[in-house]
């Protein structure tokens, strides 16, 4: 006579419930933000960043949002971005880009087109970057391509990071890692990583450029950066 293990069924059900609760608790423990919560621009808004290499100030970047219009996907913000490079021996004129910020296919895009540069031939004439993508949860991934065909692989690696920098504290930062295979990274057998920190209600507050080992484990807190951009206003 075949014996039935009547204890196995409730144990299996209990295990399934426990496992489901574990994964749901992980998801709902994350604060859910939307694209525009993390990049809250508006007409007349100005963002200014300082750029550093090894703690030395080497330039500034200023974004001015001048107009807002609408297309079939929603709002389109347009303005200018101006970069200034500092040099002890030479005064460089500003690099000026015409920019637009818009949402399409659950993704927030930044398109920039070069309109003024001291050496036009050496600069990318236009760029389009996929800044953020729904859902804003750890593990969300997306790709986009640069003008010269390089693939950028993006992933949300943190959604509740407390960032302390230059005497200021930013709560609940969403952290995004961008990976690009460049000639420099291939030369040193490393990954070229850009780490972006978005703070709800403020926007992009920190950008770190890093060369890391392929086994870096997405540990954004301890990677050394070759260059950083920090929001100042």
C-alpha atoms as a PDB file:
ATOM      1  CA  UNK A   1       0.000   0.000   0.000  1.00  0.00           C
ATOM      2  CA  UNK A   2       1.362   3.369  -1.069  1.00  0.00           C
ATOM      3  CA  UNK A   3       2.040   5.743   1.790  1.00  0.00           C
ATOM      4  CA  UNK A   4       1.215   9.432   1.463  1.00  0.00           C
ATOM      5  CA  UNK A   5       3.312  12.128   3.086  1.00  0.00           C
ATOM      6  CA  UNK A   6       0.585  14.501   4.202  1.00  0.00           C
ATOM      7  CA  UNK A   7       3.110  16.775   5.899  1.00  0.00           C
ATOM      8  CA  UNK A   8       4.896  17.574   2.620  1.00  0.00           C
ATOM      9  CA  UNK A   9       1.961  19.562   1.167  1.00  0.00           C
ATOM     10  CA  UNK A  10       1.625  22.162   3.955  1.00  0.00           C
ATOM     11  CA  UNK A  11       5.419  22.461   4.186  1.00  0.00           C
ATOM     12  CA  UNK A  12       5.607  23.150   0.435  1.00  0.00           C
ATOM     13  CA  UNK A  13       2.827  25.738   0.672  1.00  0.00           C
ATOM     14  CA  UNK A  14       4.503  27.398   3.658  1.00  0.00           C
ATOM     15  CA  UNK A  15       7.830  27.510   1.808  1.00  0.00           C
ATOM     16  CA  UNK A  16       6.166  29.105  -1.258  1.00  0.00           C
ATOM     17  CA  UNK A  17       4.434  31.743   0.884  1.00  0.00           C
ATOM     18  CA  UNK A  18       7.679  32.543   2.690  1.00  0.00           C
ATOM     19  CA  UNK A  19       9.607  32.852  -0.571  1.00  0.00           C
ATOM     20  CA  UNK A  20       6.928  35.082  -2.103  1.00  0.00           C
ATOM     21  CA  UNK A  21       6.891  37.294   1.005  1.00  0.00           C
ATOM     22  CA  UNK A  22      10.677  37.602   0.865  1.00  0.00           C
ATOM     23  CA  UNK A  23      10.713  38.837  -2.736  1.00  0.00           C
ATOM     24  CA  UNK A  24       7.727  41.154  -2.280  1.00  0.00           C
ATOM     25  CA  UNK A  25       9.286  42.681   0.828  1.00  0.00           C
ATOM     26  CA  UNK A  26      12.452  43.364  -1.154  1.00  0.00           C
ATOM     27  CA  UNK A  27      10.464  45.145  -3.854  1.00  0.00           C
ATOM     28  CA  UNK A  28       8.231  47.191  -1.575  1.00  0.00           C
ATOM     29  CA  UNK A  29      11.135  48.137   0.685  1.00  0.00           C
ATOM     30  CA  UNK A  30      12.403  50.231  -2.220  1.00  0.00           C
ATOM     31  CA  UNK A  31      10.948  53.720  -2.463  1.00  0.00           C
ATOM     32  CA  UNK A  32       9.239  54.054  -5.826  1.00  0.00           C
ATOM     33  CA  UNK A  33      10.040  57.245  -7.744  1.00  0.00           C
ATOM     34  CA  UNK A  34       9.114  58.301 -11.237  1.00  0.00           C
ATOM     35  CA  UNK A  35      11.382  59.645 -13.985  1.00  0.00           C
ATOM     36  CA  UNK A  36      10.479  63.274 -13.442  1.00  0.00           C
ATOM     37  CA  UNK A  37      10.814  62.956  -9.643  1.00  0.00           C
ATOM     38  CA  UNK A  38      14.483  62.205 -10.241  1.00  0.00           C
ATOM     39  CA  UNK A  39      15.019  64.837 -12.947  1.00  0.00           C
ATOM     40  CA  UNK A  40      12.565  67.595 -11.956  1.00  0.00           C
ATOM     41  CA  UNK A  41      13.357  70.289 -14.493  1.00  0.00           C
ATOM     42  CA  UNK A  42      11.110  73.179 -15.454  1.00  0.00           C
ATOM     43  CA  UNK A  43      11.159  76.282 -17.599  1.00  0.00           C
ATOM     44  CA  UNK A  44      13.672  78.762 -16.163  1.00  0.00           C
ATOM     45  CA  UNK A  45      15.575  76.175 -14.119  1.00  0.00           C
ATOM     46  CA  UNK A  46      19.372  76.380 -13.951  1.00  0.00           C
ATOM     47  CA  UNK A  47      21.775  73.612 -12.918  1.00  0.00           C
ATOM     48  CA  UNK A  48      25.483  74.179 -12.368  1.00  0.00           C
ATOM     49  CA  UNK A  49      28.154  71.507 -11.929  1.00  0.00           C
ATOM     50  CA  UNK A  50      31.816  71.684 -10.992  1.00  0.00           C
ATOM     51  CA  UNK A  51      34.145  69.161 -12.622  1.00  0.00           C
ATOM     52  CA  UNK A  52      37.158  67.750 -10.765  1.00  0.00           C
ATOM     53  CA  UNK A  53      40.121  65.515 -11.522  1.00  0.00           C
ATOM     54  CA  UNK A  54      41.929  64.311  -8.380  1.00  0.00           C
ATOM     55  CA  UNK A  55      40.111  66.986  -6.338  1.00  0.00           C
ATOM     56  CA  UNK A  56      41.365  69.732  -8.666  1.00  0.00           C
ATOM     57  CA  UNK A  57      38.691  71.944 -10.239  1.00  0.00           C
ATOM     58  CA  UNK A  58      39.126  71.686 -14.009  1.00  0.00           C
ATOM     59  CA  UNK A  59      35.865  73.131 -15.345  1.00  0.00           C
ATOM     60  CA  UNK A  60      32.183  73.926 -14.956  1.00  0.00           C
ATOM     61  CA  UNK A  61      29.012  72.846 -16.711  1.00  0.00           C
ATOM     62  CA  UNK A  62      25.822  74.899 -16.674  1.00  0.00           C
ATOM     63  CA  UNK A  63      22.396  73.781 -17.902  1.00  0.00           C
ATOM     64  CA  UNK A  64      19.719  76.393 -18.580  1.00  0.00           C
ATOM     65  CA  UNK A  65      16.155  75.237 -19.341  1.00  0.00           C
ATOM     66  CA  UNK A  66      14.607  77.995 -21.457  1.00  0.00           C
ATOM     67  CA  UNK A  67      11.385  76.644 -22.984  1.00  0.00           C
ATOM     68  CA  UNK A  68       8.791  73.907 -22.707  1.00  0.00           C
ATOM     69  CA  UNK A  69       6.659  72.529 -25.528  1.00  0.00           C
ATOM     70  CA  UNK A  70       4.573  69.408 -26.151  1.00  0.00           C
ATOM     71  CA  UNK A  71       4.675  66.490 -28.569  1.00  0.00           C
ATOM     72  CA  UNK A  72       2.594  63.294 -28.753  1.00  0.00           C
ATOM     73  CA  UNK A  73       4.581  61.791 -25.858  1.00  0.00           C
ATOM     74  CA  UNK A  74       4.324  64.778 -23.499  1.00  0.00           C
ATOM     75  CA  UNK A  75       6.523  67.667 -22.437  1.00  0.00           C
ATOM     76  CA  UNK A  76       9.750  68.579 -24.190  1.00  0.00           C
ATOM     77  CA  UNK A  77      12.135  70.908 -22.346  1.00  0.00           C
ATOM     78  CA  UNK A  78      14.740  72.791 -24.372  1.00  0.00           C
ATOM     79  CA  UNK A  79      17.654  75.025 -23.478  1.00  0.00           C
ATOM     80  CA  UNK A  80      21.435  75.234 -23.546  1.00  0.00           C
ATOM     81  CA  UNK A  81      24.328  73.524 -21.832  1.00  0.00           C
ATOM     82  CA  UNK A  82      27.616  75.381 -21.524  1.00  0.00           C
ATOM     83  CA  UNK A  83      30.941  73.807 -20.551  1.00  0.00           C
ATOM     84  CA  UNK A  84      34.011  75.815 -19.575  1.00  0.00           C
ATOM     85  CA  UNK A  85      37.447  74.207 -19.279  1.00  0.00           C
ATOM     86  CA  UNK A  86      39.983  75.823 -16.957  1.00  0.00           C
ATOM     87  CA  UNK A  87      43.644  76.086 -17.914  1.00  0.00           C
ATOM     88  CA  UNK A  88      46.580  77.910 -16.360  1.00  0.00           C
ATOM     89  CA  UNK A  89      48.173  78.595 -19.732  1.00  0.00           C
ATOM     90  CA  UNK A  90      45.261  79.146 -22.080  1.00  0.00           C
ATOM     91  CA  UNK A  91      41.756  80.608 -21.977  1.00  0.00           C
ATOM     92  CA  UNK A  92      39.298  78.285 -23.728  1.00  0.00           C
ATOM     93  CA  UNK A  93      36.016  79.692 -25.037  1.00  0.00           C
ATOM     94  CA  UNK A  94      32.863  77.952 -23.783  1.00  0.00           C
ATOM     95  CA  UNK A  95      31.542  74.797 -25.431  1.00  0.00           C
ATOM     96  CA  UNK A  96      27.816  75.322 -26.036  1.00  0.00           C
ATOM     97  CA  UNK A  97      25.180  72.679 -26.732  1.00  0.00           C
ATOM     98  CA  UNK A  98      21.510  72.998 -27.628  1.00  0.00           C
ATOM     99  CA  UNK A  99      19.674  70.463 -25.461  1.00  0.00           C
ATOM    100  CA  UNK A 100      16.258  68.886 -25.153  1.00  0.00           C
ATOM    101  CA  UNK A 101      14.886  66.633 -22.405  1.00  0.00           C
ATOM    102  CA  UNK A 102      11.874  64.433 -23.103  1.00  0.00           C
ATOM    103  CA  UNK A 103      10.173  61.155 -22.226  1.00  0.00           C
ATOM    104  CA  UNK A 104       9.637  58.371 -24.747  1.00  0.00           C
ATOM    105  CA  UNK A 105       9.102  54.596 -24.399  1.00  0.00           C
ATOM    106  CA  UNK A 106       9.184  54.738 -20.582  1.00  0.00           C
ATOM    107  CA  UNK A 107      12.633  56.367 -20.817  1.00  0.00           C
ATOM    108  CA  UNK A 108      13.891  59.876 -20.046  1.00  0.00           C
ATOM    109  CA  UNK A 109      16.187  61.143 -22.806  1.00  0.00           C
ATOM    110  CA  UNK A 110      18.694  63.997 -23.003  1.00  0.00           C
ATOM    111  CA  UNK A 111      19.575  65.076 -26.544  1.00  0.00           C
ATOM    112  CA  UNK A 112      22.401  67.569 -27.048  1.00  0.00           C
ATOM    113  CA  UNK A 113      23.587  69.174 -30.285  1.00  0.00           C
ATOM    114  CA  UNK A 114      26.851  71.058 -30.515  1.00  0.00           C
ATOM    115  CA  UNK A 115      26.483  74.692 -31.615  1.00  0.00           C
ATOM    116  CA  UNK A 116      29.789  76.257 -30.505  1.00  0.00           C
ATOM    117  CA  UNK A 117      33.238  74.765 -29.858  1.00  0.00           C
ATOM    118  CA  UNK A 118      36.854  75.968 -30.012  1.00  0.00           C
ATOM    119  CA  UNK A 119      37.780  72.964 -32.164  1.00  0.00           C
ATOM    120  CA  UNK A 120      34.649  71.636 -33.841  1.00  0.00           C
ATOM    121  CA  UNK A 121      36.342  68.635 -35.477  1.00  0.00           C
ATOM    122  CA  UNK A 122      37.385  67.084 -32.159  1.00  0.00           C
ATOM    123  CA  UNK A 123      33.966  67.006 -30.524  1.00  0.00           C
ATOM    124  CA  UNK A 124      30.926  64.783 -30.953  1.00  0.00           C
ATOM    125  CA  UNK A 125      28.448  66.900 -32.878  1.00  0.00           C
ATOM    126  CA  UNK A 126      25.480  65.463 -31.032  1.00  0.00           C
ATOM    127  CA  UNK A 127      24.690  63.009 -28.275  1.00  0.00           C
ATOM    128  CA  UNK A 128      21.560  61.337 -27.020  1.00  0.00           C
ATOM    129  CA  UNK A 129      21.564  59.745 -23.576  1.00  0.00           C
ATOM    130  CA  UNK A 130      18.956  57.531 -21.942  1.00  0.00           C
ATOM    131  CA  UNK A 131      19.148  58.949 -18.418  1.00  0.00           C
ATOM    132  CA  UNK A 132      16.471  56.910 -16.641  1.00  0.00           C
ATOM    133  CA  UNK A 133      13.979  54.146 -17.352  1.00  0.00           C
ATOM    134  CA  UNK A 134      10.886  52.807 -15.647  1.00  0.00           C
ATOM    135  CA  UNK A 135      10.408  50.985 -13.360  1.00  0.00           C
ATOM    136  CA  UNK A 136      12.754  52.726 -10.940  1.00  0.00           C
ATOM    137  CA  UNK A 137      13.770  49.510  -9.195  1.00  0.00           C
ATOM    138  CA  UNK A 138      17.080  47.780  -8.547  1.00  0.00           C
ATOM    139  CA  UNK A 139      17.895  45.569 -11.511  1.00  0.00           C
ATOM    140  CA  UNK A 140      16.131  47.614 -14.207  1.00  0.00           C
ATOM    141  CA  UNK A 141      18.392  47.580 -17.287  1.00  0.00           C
ATOM    142  CA  UNK A 142      18.491  49.365 -20.645  1.00  0.00           C
ATOM    143  CA  UNK A 143      20.889  50.116 -23.496  1.00  0.00           C
ATOM    144  CA  UNK A 144      21.571  53.008 -25.851  1.00  0.00           C
ATOM    145  CA  UNK A 145      24.240  53.916 -28.407  1.00  0.00           C
ATOM    146  CA  UNK A 146      26.570  56.905 -28.761  1.00  0.00           C
ATOM    147  CA  UNK A 147      26.923  58.823 -32.024  1.00  0.00           C
ATOM    148  CA  UNK A 148      30.062  56.837 -32.883  1.00  0.00           C
ATOM    149  CA  UNK A 149      28.341  53.492 -32.305  1.00  0.00           C
ATOM    150  CA  UNK A 150      29.511  52.567 -28.791  1.00  0.00           C
ATOM    151  CA  UNK A 151      26.940  50.627 -26.802  1.00  0.00           C
ATOM    152  CA  UNK A 152      26.126  51.941 -23.307  1.00  0.00           C
ATOM    153  CA  UNK A 153      24.681  49.371 -20.901  1.00  0.00           C
ATOM    154  CA  UNK A 154      22.774  50.873 -17.957  1.00  0.00           C
ATOM    155  CA  UNK A 155      21.468  49.374 -14.733  1.00  0.00           C
ATOM    156  CA  UNK A 156      19.859  50.694 -11.566  1.00  0.00           C
ATOM    157  CA  UNK A 157      22.048  49.379  -8.735  1.00  0.00           C
ATOM    158  CA  UNK A 158      20.645  51.273  -5.718  1.00  0.00           C
ATOM    159  CA  UNK A 159      17.417  53.141  -4.938  1.00  0.00           C
ATOM    160  CA  UNK A 160      17.880  54.364  -1.379  1.00  0.00           C
ATOM    161  CA  UNK A 161      21.479  55.555  -1.108  1.00  0.00           C
ATOM    162  CA  UNK A 162      22.341  58.325   1.343  1.00  0.00           C
ATOM    163  CA  UNK A 163      24.915  60.502  -0.391  1.00  0.00           C
ATOM    164  CA  UNK A 164      27.117  62.848   1.615  1.00  0.00           C
ATOM    165  CA  UNK A 165      29.297  65.179  -0.419  1.00  0.00           C
ATOM    166  CA  UNK A 166      30.834  68.625   0.113  1.00  0.00           C
ATOM    167  CA  UNK A 167      28.952  69.192   3.367  1.00  0.00           C
ATOM    168  CA  UNK A 168      25.548  68.282   1.942  1.00  0.00           C
ATOM    169  CA  UNK A 169      23.411  65.180   2.398  1.00  0.00           C
ATOM    170  CA  UNK A 170      21.051  63.740  -0.222  1.00  0.00           C
ATOM    171  CA  UNK A 171      18.545  61.085   0.856  1.00  0.00           C
ATOM    172  CA  UNK A 172      17.101  58.195  -1.176  1.00  0.00           C
ATOM    173  CA  UNK A 173      19.406  58.597  -4.158  1.00  0.00           C
ATOM    174  CA  UNK A 174      18.848  56.342  -7.159  1.00  0.00           C
ATOM    175  CA  UNK A 175      22.208  55.086  -8.433  1.00  0.00           C
ATOM    176  CA  UNK A 176      22.743  54.092 -12.048  1.00  0.00           C
ATOM    177  CA  UNK A 177      25.832  52.428 -13.510  1.00  0.00           C
ATOM    178  CA  UNK A 178      26.635  53.001 -17.183  1.00  0.00           C
ATOM    179  CA  UNK A 179      29.139  50.648 -18.818  1.00  0.00           C
ATOM    180  CA  UNK A 180      30.953  51.513 -22.058  1.00  0.00           C
ATOM    181  CA  UNK A 181      33.717  49.610 -23.823  1.00  0.00           C
ATOM    182  CA  UNK A 182      36.285  52.253 -24.753  1.00  0.00           C
ATOM    183  CA  UNK A 183      39.786  51.938 -26.188  1.00  0.00           C
ATOM    184  CA  UNK A 184      41.209  53.000 -22.823  1.00  0.00           C
ATOM    185  CA  UNK A 185      39.259  50.368 -20.895  1.00  0.00           C
ATOM    186  CA  UNK A 186      40.287  47.673 -23.381  1.00  0.00           C
ATOM    187  CA  UNK A 187      43.941  48.724 -23.061  1.00  0.00           C
ATOM    188  CA  UNK A 188      43.885  48.190 -19.285  1.00  0.00           C
ATOM    189  CA  UNK A 189      41.450  45.215 -19.401  1.00  0.00           C
ATOM    190  CA  UNK A 190      38.985  47.151 -17.295  1.00  0.00           C
ATOM    191  CA  UNK A 191      35.437  48.471 -17.590  1.00  0.00           C
ATOM    192  CA  UNK A 192      34.731  52.139 -18.219  1.00  0.00           C
ATOM    193  CA  UNK A 193      31.925  52.948 -15.780  1.00  0.00           C
ATOM    194  CA  UNK A 194      29.969  56.155 -15.217  1.00  0.00           C
ATOM    195  CA  UNK A 195      28.000  56.192 -11.960  1.00  0.00           C
ATOM    196  CA  UNK A 196      25.097  58.654 -11.754  1.00  0.00           C
ATOM    197  CA  UNK A 197      23.377  59.685  -8.511  1.00  0.00           C
ATOM    198  CA  UNK A 198      19.851  61.075  -8.881  1.00  0.00           C
ATOM    199  CA  UNK A 199      18.181  62.649  -5.830  1.00  0.00           C
ATOM    200  CA  UNK A 200      14.355  62.942  -5.730  1.00  0.00           C
ATOM    201  CA  UNK A 201      13.189  66.528  -6.104  1.00  0.00           C
ATOM    202  CA  UNK A 202      16.671  67.743  -7.059  1.00  0.00           C
ATOM    203  CA  UNK A 203      17.997  65.772 -10.033  1.00  0.00           C
ATOM    204  CA  UNK A 204      21.450  64.542 -10.962  1.00  0.00           C
ATOM    205  CA  UNK A 205      23.726  65.543  -8.076  1.00  0.00           C
ATOM    206  CA  UNK A 206      26.871  63.509  -8.761  1.00  0.00           C
ATOM    207  CA  UNK A 207      28.492  61.780 -11.712  1.00  0.00           C
ATOM    208  CA  UNK A 208      31.630  59.631 -11.285  1.00  0.00           C
ATOM    209  CA  UNK A 209      33.831  58.372 -14.113  1.00  0.00           C
ATOM    210  CA  UNK A 210      35.728  55.206 -13.205  1.00  0.00           C
ATOM    211  CA  UNK A 211      37.876  52.404 -14.588  1.00  0.00           C
ATOM    212  CA  UNK A 212      37.048  49.239 -12.658  1.00  0.00           C
ATOM    213  CA  UNK A 213      37.806  45.526 -12.758  1.00  0.00           C
ATOM    214  CA  UNK A 214      35.189  43.354 -14.468  1.00  0.00           C
ATOM    215  CA  UNK A 215      34.579  41.802 -11.038  1.00  0.00           C
ATOM    216  CA  UNK A 216      33.778  45.162  -9.367  1.00  0.00           C
ATOM    217  CA  UNK A 217      30.448  43.785  -8.116  1.00  0.00           C
ATOM    218  CA  UNK A 218      28.555  47.067  -8.609  1.00  0.00           C
ATOM    219  CA  UNK A 219      30.031  48.386  -5.369  1.00  0.00           C
ATOM    220  CA  UNK A 220      29.606  52.073  -6.220  1.00  0.00           C
ATOM    221  CA  UNK A 221      30.506  53.206  -2.691  1.00  0.00           C
ATOM    222  CA  UNK A 222      34.146  52.123  -2.854  1.00  0.00           C
ATOM    223  CA  UNK A 223      35.238  52.600  -6.454  1.00  0.00           C
ATOM    224  CA  UNK A 224      37.900  55.199  -7.199  1.00  0.00           C
ATOM    225  CA  UNK A 225      36.902  57.815  -9.750  1.00  0.00           C
ATOM    226  CA  UNK A 226      39.160  59.475 -12.307  1.00  0.00           C
ATOM    227  CA  UNK A 227      36.805  62.436 -12.719  1.00  0.00           C
ATOM    228  CA  UNK A 228      33.656  63.697 -11.020  1.00  0.00           C
ATOM    229  CA  UNK A 229      30.905  66.226 -11.683  1.00  0.00           C
ATOM    230  CA  UNK A 230      29.158  67.667  -8.609  1.00  0.00           C
ATOM    231  CA  UNK A 231      26.001  69.777  -8.495  1.00  0.00           C
ATOM    232  CA  UNK A 232      26.643  73.179  -6.945  1.00  0.00           C
ATOM    233  CA  UNK A 233      23.271  74.929  -7.425  1.00  0.00           C
END
